[in-house]
PDB file of all heavy atoms in Angstrom:
ATOM      1  N   ALA A   1       0.023   9.186-143.746  1.00  0.00           N
ATOM      2  CA  ALA A   1       0.148   7.840-143.185  1.00  0.00           C
ATOM      3  C   ALA A   1       0.527   6.840-144.273  1.00  0.00           C
ATOM      4  O   ALA A   1       1.367   5.943-144.061  1.00  0.00           O
ATOM      5  CB  ALA A   1      -1.166   7.421-142.524  1.00  0.00           C
ATOM      6  N   LEU A   2      -0.058   7.001-145.457  1.00  0.00           N
ATOM      7  CA  LEU A   2       0.269   6.132-146.575  1.00  0.00           C
ATOM      8  C   LEU A   2       1.736   6.267-146.956  1.00  0.00           C
ATOM      9  O   LEU A   2       2.425   5.275-147.236  1.00  0.00           O
ATOM     10  CB  LEU A   2      -0.622   6.468-147.760  1.00  0.00           C
ATOM     11  CG  LEU A   2      -0.522   5.583-149.005  1.00  0.00           C
ATOM     12  CD1 LEU A   2      -0.846   4.149-148.669  1.00  0.00           C
ATOM     13  CD2 LEU A   2      -1.454   6.094-150.099  1.00  0.00           C
ATOM     14  N   ALA A   3       2.238   7.495-146.965  1.00  0.00           N
ATOM     15  CA  ALA A   3       3.654   7.715-147.253  1.00  0.00           C
ATOM     16  C   ALA A   3       4.537   7.030-146.217  1.00  0.00           C
ATOM     17  O   ALA A   3       5.513   6.351-146.541  1.00  0.00           O
ATOM     18  CB  ALA A   3       3.955   9.207-147.317  1.00  0.00           C
ATOM     19  N   GLU A   4       4.187   7.193-144.955  1.00  0.00           N
ATOM     20  CA  GLU A   4       4.989   6.595-143.880  1.00  0.00           C
ATOM     21  C   GLU A   4       4.971   5.064-143.959  1.00  0.00           C
ATOM     22  O   GLU A   4       6.006   4.420-143.784  1.00  0.00           O
ATOM     23  CB  GLU A   4       4.449   7.043-142.521  1.00  0.00           C
ATOM     24  CG  GLU A   4       4.553   8.522-142.239  1.00  0.00           C
ATOM     25  CD  GLU A   4       5.960   8.978-141.912  1.00  0.00           C
ATOM     26  OE1 GLU A   4       6.832   8.119-141.667  1.00  0.00           O
ATOM     27  OE2 GLU A   4       6.197  10.201-141.900  1.00  0.00           O
ATOM     28  N   LEU A   5       3.826   4.487-144.234  1.00  0.00           N
ATOM     29  CA  LEU A   5       3.721   3.028-144.307  1.00  0.00           C
ATOM     30  C   LEU A   5       4.543   2.458-145.452  1.00  0.00           C
ATOM     31  O   LEU A   5       5.008   1.326-145.390  1.00  0.00           O
ATOM     32  CB  LEU A   5       2.241   2.627-144.475  1.00  0.00           C
ATOM     33  CG  LEU A   5       1.361   2.797-143.232  1.00  0.00           C
ATOM     34  CD1 LEU A   5      -0.119   2.707-143.610  1.00  0.00           C
ATOM     35  CD2 LEU A   5       1.712   1.756-142.167  1.00  0.00           C
ATOM     36  N   ASN A   6       4.731   3.264-146.496  1.00  0.00           N
ATOM     37  CA  ASN A   6       5.532   2.831-147.641  1.00  0.00           C
ATOM     38  C   ASN A   6       6.969   3.351-147.570  1.00  0.00           C
ATOM     39  O   ASN A   6       7.713   3.253-148.550  1.00  0.00           O
ATOM     40  CB  ASN A   6       4.882   3.282-148.945  1.00  0.00           C
ATOM     41  CG  ASN A   6       3.659   2.481-149.303  1.00  0.00           C
ATOM     42  OD1 ASN A   6       3.752   1.389-149.868  1.00  0.00           O
ATOM     43  ND2 ASN A   6       2.472   2.967-148.923  1.00  0.00           N
ATOM     44  N   GLU A   7       7.337   3.920-146.406  1.00  0.00           N
ATOM     45  CA  GLU A   7       8.690   4.441-146.179  1.00  0.00           C
ATOM     46  C   GLU A   7       9.076   5.483-147.216  1.00  0.00           C
ATOM     47  O   GLU A   7      10.186   5.522-147.727  1.00  0.00           O
ATOM     48  CB  GLU A   7       9.714   3.301-146.157  1.00  0.00           C
ATOM     49  CG  GLU A   7       9.444   2.286-145.043  1.00  0.00           C
ATOM     50  CD  GLU A   7      10.477   1.176-144.990  1.00  0.00           C
ATOM     51  OE1 GLU A   7      11.279   1.071-145.948  1.00  0.00           O
ATOM     52  OE2 GLU A   7      10.488   0.424-144.004  1.00  0.00           O
ATOM     53  N   LEU A   8       8.097   6.349-147.538  1.00  0.00           N
ATOM     54  CA  LEU A   8       8.319   7.449-148.458  1.00  0.00           C
ATOM     55  C   LEU A   8       8.357   8.761-147.689  1.00  0.00           C
ATOM     56  O   LEU A   8       7.704   8.905-146.659  1.00  0.00           O
ATOM     57  CB  LEU A   8       7.187   7.516-149.499  1.00  0.00           C
ATOM     58  CG  LEU A   8       6.907   6.240-150.289  1.00  0.00           C
ATOM     59  CD1 LEU A   8       5.679   6.415-151.154  1.00  0.00           C
ATOM     60  CD2 LEU A   8       8.105   5.847-151.125  1.00  0.00           C
ATOM     61  N   ASP A   9       9.088   9.731-148.212  1.00  0.00           N
ATOM     62  CA  ASP A   9       9.112  11.051-147.599  1.00  0.00           C
ATOM     63  C   ASP A   9       7.771  11.741-147.849  1.00  0.00           C
ATOM     64  O   ASP A   9       7.165  11.584-148.909  1.00  0.00           O
ATOM     65  CB  ASP A   9      10.240  11.896-148.189  1.00  0.00           C
ATOM     66  CG  ASP A   9      11.611  11.406-147.767  1.00  0.00           C
ATOM     67  OD1 ASP A   9      11.700  10.722-146.733  1.00  0.00           O
ATOM     68  OD2 ASP A   9      12.588  11.681-148.486  1.00  0.00           O
ATOM     69  N   GLY A  10       7.319  12.502-146.872  1.00  0.00           N
ATOM     70  CA  GLY A  10       6.090  13.261-147.019  1.00  0.00           C
ATOM     71  C   GLY A  10       6.364  14.758-146.934  1.00  0.00           C
ATOM     72  O   GLY A  10       7.094  15.216-146.060  1.00  0.00           O
ATOM     73  N   LEU A  11       5.835  15.500-147.876  1.00  0.00           N
ATOM     74  CA  LEU A  11       5.965  16.946-147.903  1.00  0.00           C
ATOM     75  C   LEU A  11       4.568  17.539-147.980  1.00  0.00           C
ATOM     76  O   LEU A  11       3.745  17.095-148.794  1.00  0.00           O
ATOM     77  CB  LEU A  11       6.788  17.382-149.126  1.00  0.00           C
ATOM     78  CG  LEU A  11       6.898  18.879-149.413  1.00  0.00           C
ATOM     79  CD1 LEU A  11       7.648  19.589-148.301  1.00  0.00           C
ATOM     80  CD2 LEU A  11       7.590  19.111-150.761  1.00  0.00           C
ATOM     81  N   VAL A  12       4.280  18.524-147.146  1.00  0.00           N
ATOM     82  CA  VAL A  12       2.974  19.183-147.138  1.00  0.00           C
ATOM     83  C   VAL A  12       3.089  20.518-147.854  1.00  0.00           C
ATOM     84  O   VAL A  12       3.941  21.342-147.526  1.00  0.00           O
ATOM     85  CB  VAL A  12       2.459  19.398-145.702  1.00  0.00           C
ATOM     86  CG1 VAL A  12       1.108  20.115-145.721  1.00  0.00           C
ATOM     87  CG2 VAL A  12       2.327  18.060-144.978  1.00  0.00           C
ATOM     88  N   VAL A  13       2.241  20.721-148.858  1.00  0.00           N
ATOM     89  CA  VAL A  13       2.200  21.982-149.598  1.00  0.00           C
ATOM     90  C   VAL A  13       0.835  22.622-149.352  1.00  0.00           C
ATOM     91  O   VAL A  13      -0.194  22.017-149.636  1.00  0.00           O
ATOM     92  CB  VAL A  13       2.430  21.768-151.105  1.00  0.00           C
ATOM     93  CG1 VAL A  13       2.184  23.062-151.870  1.00  0.00           C
ATOM     94  CG2 VAL A  13       3.845  21.273-151.353  1.00  0.00           C
ATOM     95  N   LEU A  14       0.857  23.814-148.805  1.00  0.00           N
ATOM     96  CA  LEU A  14      -0.361  24.572-148.549  1.00  0.00           C
ATOM     97  C   LEU A  14      -0.480  25.622-149.645  1.00  0.00           C
ATOM     98  O   LEU A  14       0.227  26.637-149.632  1.00  0.00           O
ATOM     99  CB  LEU A  14      -0.310  25.205-147.156  1.00  0.00           C
ATOM    100  CG  LEU A  14      -1.567  25.944-146.673  1.00  0.00           C
ATOM    101  CD1 LEU A  14      -2.789  25.057-146.767  1.00  0.00           C
ATOM    102  CD2 LEU A  14      -1.369  26.425-145.249  1.00  0.00           C
ATOM    103  N   ASN A  15      -1.355  25.376-150.582  1.00  0.00           N
ATOM    104  CA  ASN A  15      -1.447  26.192-151.795  1.00  0.00           C
ATOM    105  C   ASN A  15      -2.562  27.240-151.680  1.00  0.00           C
ATOM    106  O   ASN A  15      -3.301  27.289-150.716  1.00  0.00           O
ATOM    107  CB  ASN A  15      -1.697  25.264-153.001  1.00  0.00           C
ATOM    108  CG  ASN A  15      -1.466  25.953-154.321  1.00  0.00           C
ATOM    109  OD1 ASN A  15      -0.620  26.836-154.449  1.00  0.00           O
ATOM    110  ND2 ASN A  15      -2.234  25.578-155.318  1.00  0.00           N
ATOM    111  N   LYS A  16      -2.647  28.076-152.702  1.00  0.00           N
ATOM    112  CA  LYS A  16      -3.631  29.157-152.795  1.00  0.00           C
ATOM    113  C   LYS A  16      -3.438  30.196-151.682  1.00  0.00           C
ATOM    114  O   LYS A  16      -4.412  30.704-151.110  1.00  0.00           O
ATOM    115  CB  LYS A  16      -5.064  28.615-152.777  1.00  0.00           C
ATOM    116  CG  LYS A  16      -5.376  27.725-153.976  1.00  0.00           C
ATOM    117  CD  LYS A  16      -6.870  27.413-154.063  1.00  0.00           C
ATOM    118  CE  LYS A  16      -7.176  26.591-155.300  1.00  0.00           C
ATOM    119  NZ  LYS A  16      -8.627  26.311-155.447  1.00  0.00           N
ATOM    120  N   ALA A  17      -2.185  30.513-151.389  1.00  0.00           N
ATOM    121  CA  ALA A  17      -1.899  31.521-150.363  1.00  0.00           C
ATOM    122  C   ALA A  17      -2.464  32.873-150.751  1.00  0.00           C
ATOM    123  O   ALA A  17      -2.658  33.744-149.879  1.00  0.00           O
ATOM    124  CB  ALA A  17      -0.386  31.618-150.133  1.00  0.00           C
ATOM    125  N   ASP A  18      -2.724  33.077-152.033  1.00  0.00           N
ATOM    126  CA  ASP A  18      -3.295  34.359-152.469  1.00  0.00           C
ATOM    127  C   ASP A  18      -4.712  34.558-151.940  1.00  0.00           C
ATOM    128  O   ASP A  18      -5.233  35.682-151.962  1.00  0.00           O
ATOM    129  CB  ASP A  18      -3.324  34.422-154.003  1.00  0.00           C
ATOM    130  CG  ASP A  18      -3.943  33.190-154.626  1.00  0.00           C
ATOM    131  OD1 ASP A  18      -3.269  32.150-154.639  1.00  0.00           O
ATOM    132  OD2 ASP A  18      -5.101  33.270-155.093  1.00  0.00           O
ATOM    133  N   LEU A  19      -5.345  33.482-151.440  1.00  0.00           N
ATOM    134  CA  LEU A  19      -6.689  33.605-150.888  1.00  0.00           C
ATOM    135  C   LEU A  19      -6.699  33.843-149.382  1.00  0.00           C
ATOM    136  O   LEU A  19      -7.762  34.012-148.788  1.00  0.00           O
ATOM    137  CB  LEU A  19      -7.505  32.335-151.196  1.00  0.00           C
ATOM    138  CG  LEU A  19      -7.697  32.002-152.676  1.00  0.00           C
ATOM    139  CD1 LEU A  19      -8.538  30.757-152.827  1.00  0.00           C
ATOM    140  CD2 LEU A  19      -8.335  33.177-153.403  1.00  0.00           C
ATOM    141  N   ALA A  20      -5.508  33.846-148.771  1.00  0.00           N
ATOM    142  CA  ALA A  20      -5.449  34.077-147.320  1.00  0.00           C
ATOM    143  C   ALA A  20      -5.664  35.533-146.999  1.00  0.00           C
ATOM    144  O   ALA A  20      -5.384  36.431-147.800  1.00  0.00           O
ATOM    145  CB  ALA A  20      -4.084  33.629-146.793  1.00  0.00           C
ATOM    146  N   ALA A  21      -6.180  35.786-145.808  1.00  0.00           N
ATOM    147  CA  ALA A  21      -6.407  37.168-145.369  1.00  0.00           C
ATOM    148  C   ALA A  21      -5.095  37.933-145.353  1.00  0.00           C
ATOM    149  O   ALA A  21      -4.097  37.464-144.795  1.00  0.00           O
ATOM    150  CB  ALA A  21      -7.045  37.171-143.994  1.00  0.00           C
ATOM    151  N   GLY A  22      -5.069  39.097-145.981  1.00  0.00           N
ATOM    152  CA  GLY A  22      -3.862  39.921-145.999  1.00  0.00           C
ATOM    153  C   GLY A  22      -2.804  39.446-146.971  1.00  0.00           C
ATOM    154  O   GLY A  22      -1.697  39.971-146.984  1.00  0.00           O
ATOM    155  N   ALA A  23      -3.118  38.440-147.789  1.00  0.00           N
ATOM    156  CA  ALA A  23      -2.120  37.859-148.686  1.00  0.00           C
ATOM    157  C   ALA A  23      -1.464  38.881-149.617  1.00  0.00           C
ATOM    158  O   ALA A  23      -0.264  38.805-149.846  1.00  0.00           O
ATOM    159  CB  ALA A  23      -2.760  36.737-149.507  1.00  0.00           C
ATOM    160  N   PRO A  24      -2.194  39.849-150.182  1.00  0.00           N
ATOM    161  CA  PRO A  24      -1.531  40.780-151.117  1.00  0.00           C
ATOM    162  C   PRO A  24      -0.443  41.625-150.461  1.00  0.00           C
ATOM    163  O   PRO A  24       0.396  42.191-151.156  1.00  0.00           O
ATOM    164  CB  PRO A  24      -2.693  41.655-151.602  1.00  0.00           C
ATOM    165  CG  PRO A  24      -3.924  40.840-151.386  1.00  0.00           C
ATOM    166  CD  PRO A  24      -3.647  40.084-150.112  1.00  0.00           C
ATOM    167  N   ASP A  25      -0.458  41.742-149.136  1.00  0.00           N
ATOM    168  CA  ASP A  25       0.460  42.652-148.463  1.00  0.00           C
ATOM    169  C   ASP A  25       1.789  42.008-148.066  1.00  0.00           C
ATOM    170  O   ASP A  25       2.709  42.695-147.639  1.00  0.00           O
ATOM    171  CB  ASP A  25      -0.204  43.230-147.214  1.00  0.00           C
ATOM    172  CG  ASP A  25      -1.458  44.014-147.561  1.00  0.00           C
ATOM    173  OD1 ASP A  25      -1.462  44.673-148.618  1.00  0.00           O
ATOM    174  OD2 ASP A  25      -2.418  43.915-146.803  1.00  0.00           O
ATOM    175  N   GLY A  26       1.887  40.679-148.145  1.00  0.00           N
ATOM    176  CA  GLY A  26       3.136  40.071-147.723  1.00  0.00           C
ATOM    177  C   GLY A  26       3.013  38.568-147.575  1.00  0.00           C
ATOM    178  O   GLY A  26       2.021  37.973-147.976  1.00  0.00           O
ATOM    179  N   PRO A  27       4.032  37.940-146.969  1.00  0.00           N
ATOM    180  CA  PRO A  27       4.035  36.496-146.797  1.00  0.00           C
ATOM    181  C   PRO A  27       2.855  36.019-145.969  1.00  0.00           C
ATOM    182  O   PRO A  27       2.338  36.734-145.112  1.00  0.00           O
ATOM    183  CB  PRO A  27       5.366  36.229-146.074  1.00  0.00           C
ATOM    184  CG  PRO A  27       6.199  37.433-146.341  1.00  0.00           C
ATOM    185  CD  PRO A  27       5.243  38.583-146.440  1.00  0.00           C
ATOM    186  N   THR A  28       2.429  34.804-146.233  1.00  0.00           N
ATOM    187  CA  THR A  28       1.301  34.219-145.506  1.00  0.00           C
ATOM    188  C   THR A  28       1.813  33.387-144.342  1.00  0.00           C
ATOM    189  O   THR A  28       2.674  32.525-144.523  1.00  0.00           O
ATOM    190  CB  THR A  28       0.475  33.329-146.451  1.00  0.00           C
ATOM    191  OG1 THR A  28       0.021  34.133-147.553  1.00  0.00           O
ATOM    192  CG2 THR A  28      -0.719  32.724-145.735  1.00  0.00           C
ATOM    193  N   ALA A  29       1.276  33.629-143.170  1.00  0.00           N
ATOM    194  CA  ALA A  29       1.657  32.846-142.000  1.00  0.00           C
ATOM    195  C   ALA A  29       0.984  31.480-142.047  1.00  0.00           C
ATOM    196  O   ALA A  29      -0.085  31.313-142.634  1.00  0.00           O
ATOM    197  CB  ALA A  29       1.246  33.585-140.723  1.00  0.00           C
ATOM    198  N   LEU A  30       1.628  30.501-141.414  1.00  0.00           N
ATOM    199  CA  LEU A  30       1.060  29.164-141.391  1.00  0.00           C
ATOM    200  C   LEU A  30      -0.185  29.157-140.509  1.00  0.00           C
ATOM    201  O   LEU A  30      -0.127  29.524-139.338  1.00  0.00           O
ATOM    202  CB  LEU A  30       2.096  28.170-140.831  1.00  0.00           C
ATOM    203  CG  LEU A  30       1.637  26.704-140.779  1.00  0.00           C
ATOM    204  CD1 LEU A  30       1.490  26.157-142.183  1.00  0.00           C
ATOM    205  CD2 LEU A  30       2.640  25.875-139.986  1.00  0.00           C
ATOM    206  N   PRO A  31      -1.329  28.716-141.041  1.00  0.00           N
ATOM    207  CA  PRO A  31      -2.540  28.621-140.219  1.00  0.00           C
ATOM    208  C   PRO A  31      -2.296  27.681-139.036  1.00  0.00           C
ATOM    209  O   PRO A  31      -1.602  26.669-139.153  1.00  0.00           O
ATOM    210  CB  PRO A  31      -3.591  28.050-141.175  1.00  0.00           C
ATOM    211  CG  PRO A  31      -3.100  28.438-142.533  1.00  0.00           C
ATOM    212  CD  PRO A  31      -1.609  28.376-142.453  1.00  0.00           C
ATOM    213  N   SER A  32      -2.889  28.015-137.898  1.00  0.00           N
ATOM    214  CA  SER A  32      -2.644  27.247-136.674  1.00  0.00           C
ATOM    215  C   SER A  32      -3.041  25.784-136.816  1.00  0.00           C
ATOM    216  O   SER A  32      -2.452  24.907-136.184  1.00  0.00           O
ATOM    217  CB  SER A  32      -3.400  27.879-135.510  1.00  0.00           C
ATOM    218  OG  SER A  32      -4.804  27.915-135.773  1.00  0.00           O
ATOM    219  N   GLU A  33      -4.022  25.494-137.683  1.00  0.00           N
ATOM    220  CA  GLU A  33      -4.474  24.112-137.848  1.00  0.00           C
ATOM    221  C   GLU A  33      -3.386  23.213-138.434  1.00  0.00           C
ATOM    222  O   GLU A  33      -3.450  21.977-138.322  1.00  0.00           O
ATOM    223  CB  GLU A  33      -5.696  24.033-138.780  1.00  0.00           C
ATOM    224  CG  GLU A  33      -6.865  24.905-138.349  1.00  0.00           C
ATOM    225  CD  GLU A  33      -6.854  26.234-139.071  1.00  0.00           C
ATOM    226  OE1 GLU A  33      -5.820  26.929-139.028  1.00  0.00           O
ATOM    227  OE2 GLU A  33      -7.882  26.552-139.715  1.00  0.00           O
ATOM    228  N   PHE A  34      -2.360  23.837-139.050  1.00  0.00           N
ATOM    229  CA  PHE A  34      -1.291  23.044-139.652  1.00  0.00           C
ATOM    230  C   PHE A  34      -0.083  22.896-138.737  1.00  0.00           C
ATOM    231  O   PHE A  34       0.863  22.178-139.086  1.00  0.00           O
ATOM    232  CB  PHE A  34      -0.857  23.662-140.991  1.00  0.00           C
ATOM    233  CG  PHE A  34      -1.807  23.345-142.113  1.00  0.00           C
ATOM    234  CD1 PHE A  34      -2.950  24.107-142.301  1.00  0.00           C
ATOM    235  CD2 PHE A  34      -1.568  22.290-142.960  1.00  0.00           C
ATOM    236  CE1 PHE A  34      -3.842  23.807-143.322  1.00  0.00           C
ATOM    237  CE2 PHE A  34      -2.451  21.992-143.995  1.00  0.00           C
ATOM    238  CZ  PHE A  34      -3.592  22.742-144.173  1.00  0.00           C
ATOM    239  N   GLU A  35      -0.114  23.525-137.579  1.00  0.00           N
ATOM    240  CA  GLU A  35       1.014  23.402-136.655  1.00  0.00           C
ATOM    241  C   GLU A  35       1.285  21.962-136.226  1.00  0.00           C
ATOM    242  O   GLU A  35       2.445  21.582-136.029  1.00  0.00           O
ATOM    243  CB  GLU A  35       0.785  24.284-135.421  1.00  0.00           C
ATOM    244  CG  GLU A  35       0.996  25.777-135.687  1.00  0.00           C
ATOM    245  CD  GLU A  35       2.442  26.110-136.024  1.00  0.00           C
ATOM    246  OE1 GLU A  35       3.335  25.260-135.835  1.00  0.00           O
ATOM    247  OE2 GLU A  35       2.670  27.244-136.504  1.00  0.00           O
ATOM    248  N   PRO A  36       0.254  21.112-136.033  1.00  0.00           N
ATOM    249  CA  PRO A  36       0.536  19.712-135.663  1.00  0.00           C
ATOM    250  C   PRO A  36       1.435  18.981-136.660  1.00  0.00           C
ATOM    251  O   PRO A  36       2.212  18.107-136.280  1.00  0.00           O
ATOM    252  CB  PRO A  36      -0.850  19.075-135.567  1.00  0.00           C
ATOM    253  CG  PRO A  36      -1.762  20.204-135.222  1.00  0.00           C
ATOM    254  CD  PRO A  36      -1.198  21.386-135.962  1.00  0.00           C
ATOM    255  N   TYR A  37       1.341  19.334-137.932  1.00  0.00           N
ATOM    256  CA  TYR A  37       2.174  18.674-138.937  1.00  0.00           C
ATOM    257  C   TYR A  37       3.626  19.117-138.796  1.00  0.00           C
ATOM    258  O   TYR A  37       4.543  18.303-138.923  1.00  0.00           O
ATOM    259  CB  TYR A  37       1.640  18.956-140.344  1.00  0.00           C
ATOM    260  CG  TYR A  37       0.224  18.471-140.516  1.00  0.00           C
ATOM    261  CD1 TYR A  37      -0.842  19.384-140.476  1.00  0.00           C
ATOM    262  CD2 TYR A  37      -0.061  17.135-140.703  1.00  0.00           C
ATOM    263  CE1 TYR A  37      -2.154  18.939-140.609  1.00  0.00           C
ATOM    264  CE2 TYR A  37      -1.361  16.685-140.836  1.00  0.00           C
ATOM    265  CZ  TYR A  37      -2.408  17.602-140.781  1.00  0.00           C
ATOM    266  OH  TYR A  37      -3.690  17.166-140.905  1.00  0.00           O
ATOM    267  N   ARG A  38       3.801  20.383-138.552  1.00  0.00           N
ATOM    268  CA  ARG A  38       5.164  20.874-138.326  1.00  0.00           C
ATOM    269  C   ARG A  38       5.734  20.248-137.050  1.00  0.00           C
ATOM    270  O   ARG A  38       6.906  19.833-137.029  1.00  0.00           O
ATOM    271  CB  ARG A  38       5.151  22.402-138.216  1.00  0.00           C
ATOM    272  CG  ARG A  38       6.521  23.005-137.927  1.00  0.00           C
ATOM    273  CD  ARG A  38       6.444  24.528-137.970  1.00  0.00           C
ATOM    274  NE  ARG A  38       6.352  25.016-139.350  1.00  0.00           N
ATOM    275  CZ  ARG A  38       6.107  26.288-139.667  1.00  0.00           C
ATOM    276  NH1 ARG A  38       5.917  27.191-138.719  1.00  0.00           N
ATOM    277  NH2 ARG A  38       6.052  26.652-140.938  1.00  0.00           N
ATOM    278  N   ALA A  39       4.920  20.150-136.003  1.00  0.00           N
ATOM    279  CA  ALA A  39       5.374  19.548-134.753  1.00  0.00           C
ATOM    280  C   ALA A  39       5.725  18.077-134.944  1.00  0.00           C
ATOM    281  O   ALA A  39       6.598  17.544-134.243  1.00  0.00           O
ATOM    282  CB  ALA A  39       4.303  19.706-133.679  1.00  0.00           C
ATOM    283  N   ALA A  40       5.035  17.406-135.877  1.00  0.00           N
ATOM    284  CA  ALA A  40       5.313  15.987-136.147  1.00  0.00           C
ATOM    285  C   ALA A  40       6.565  15.803-137.010  1.00  0.00           C
ATOM    286  O   ALA A  40       6.979  14.666-137.232  1.00  0.00           O
ATOM    287  CB  ALA A  40       4.114  15.344-136.836  1.00  0.00           C
ATOM    288  N   GLY A  41       7.143  16.897-137.487  1.00  0.00           N
ATOM    289  CA  GLY A  41       8.379  16.817-138.250  1.00  0.00           C
ATOM    290  C   GLY A  41       8.226  16.976-139.740  1.00  0.00           C
ATOM    291  O   GLY A  41       9.218  16.858-140.482  1.00  0.00           O
ATOM    292  N   TYR A  42       7.022  17.283-140.222  1.00  0.00           N
ATOM    293  CA  TYR A  42       6.822  17.461-141.661  1.00  0.00           C
ATOM    294  C   TYR A  42       7.213  18.878-142.090  1.00  0.00           C
ATOM    295  O   TYR A  42       6.914  19.851-141.404  1.00  0.00           O
ATOM    296  CB  TYR A  42       5.370  17.199-142.047  1.00  0.00           C
ATOM    297  CG  TYR A  42       4.977  15.751-141.919  1.00  0.00           C
ATOM    298  CD1 TYR A  42       4.135  15.335-140.888  1.00  0.00           C
ATOM    299  CD2 TYR A  42       5.457  14.808-142.813  1.00  0.00           C
ATOM    300  CE1 TYR A  42       3.778  14.003-140.763  1.00  0.00           C
ATOM    301  CE2 TYR A  42       5.112  13.467-142.688  1.00  0.00           C
ATOM    302  CZ  TYR A  42       4.277  13.072-141.668  1.00  0.00           C
ATOM    303  OH  TYR A  42       3.936  11.751-141.546  1.00  0.00           O
ATOM    304  N   GLU A  43       7.860  18.948-143.238  1.00  0.00           N
ATOM    305  CA  GLU A  43       8.149  20.258-143.818  1.00  0.00           C
ATOM    306  C   GLU A  43       6.876  20.750-144.506  1.00  0.00           C
ATOM    307  O   GLU A  43       6.188  19.989-145.206  1.00  0.00           O
ATOM    308  CB  GLU A  43       9.275  20.161-144.831  1.00  0.00           C
ATOM    309  CG  GLU A  43       9.645  21.511-145.436  1.00  0.00           C
ATOM    310  CD  GLU A  43      10.796  21.416-146.403  1.00  0.00           C
ATOM    311  OE1 GLU A  43      11.143  20.293-146.814  1.00  0.00           O
ATOM    312  OE2 GLU A  43      11.317  22.483-146.777  1.00  0.00           O
ATOM    313  N   ILE A  44       6.560  22.031-144.312  1.00  0.00           N
ATOM    314  CA  ILE A  44       5.373  22.622-144.909  1.00  0.00           C
ATOM    315  C   ILE A  44       5.799  23.817-145.761  1.00  0.00           C
ATOM    316  O   ILE A  44       6.481  24.718-145.270  1.00  0.00           O
ATOM    317  CB  ILE A  44       4.369  23.083-143.834  1.00  0.00           C
ATOM    318  CG1 ILE A  44       3.971  21.911-142.929  1.00  0.00           C
ATOM    319  CG2 ILE A  44       3.115  23.689-144.479  1.00  0.00           C
ATOM    320  CD1 ILE A  44       3.096  22.315-141.770  1.00  0.00           C
TER     321      ILE A  44
END
């Protein structure tokens, strides 16, 4: 919201993917809790 109010671009970085379940075996899927940000147009 602070970025939007200042007319700045917002980028969401979800870090520590190595701690996700199954992370050593391949790419990490986006947790469902972050889907609203993608739906709002933010790159994750």
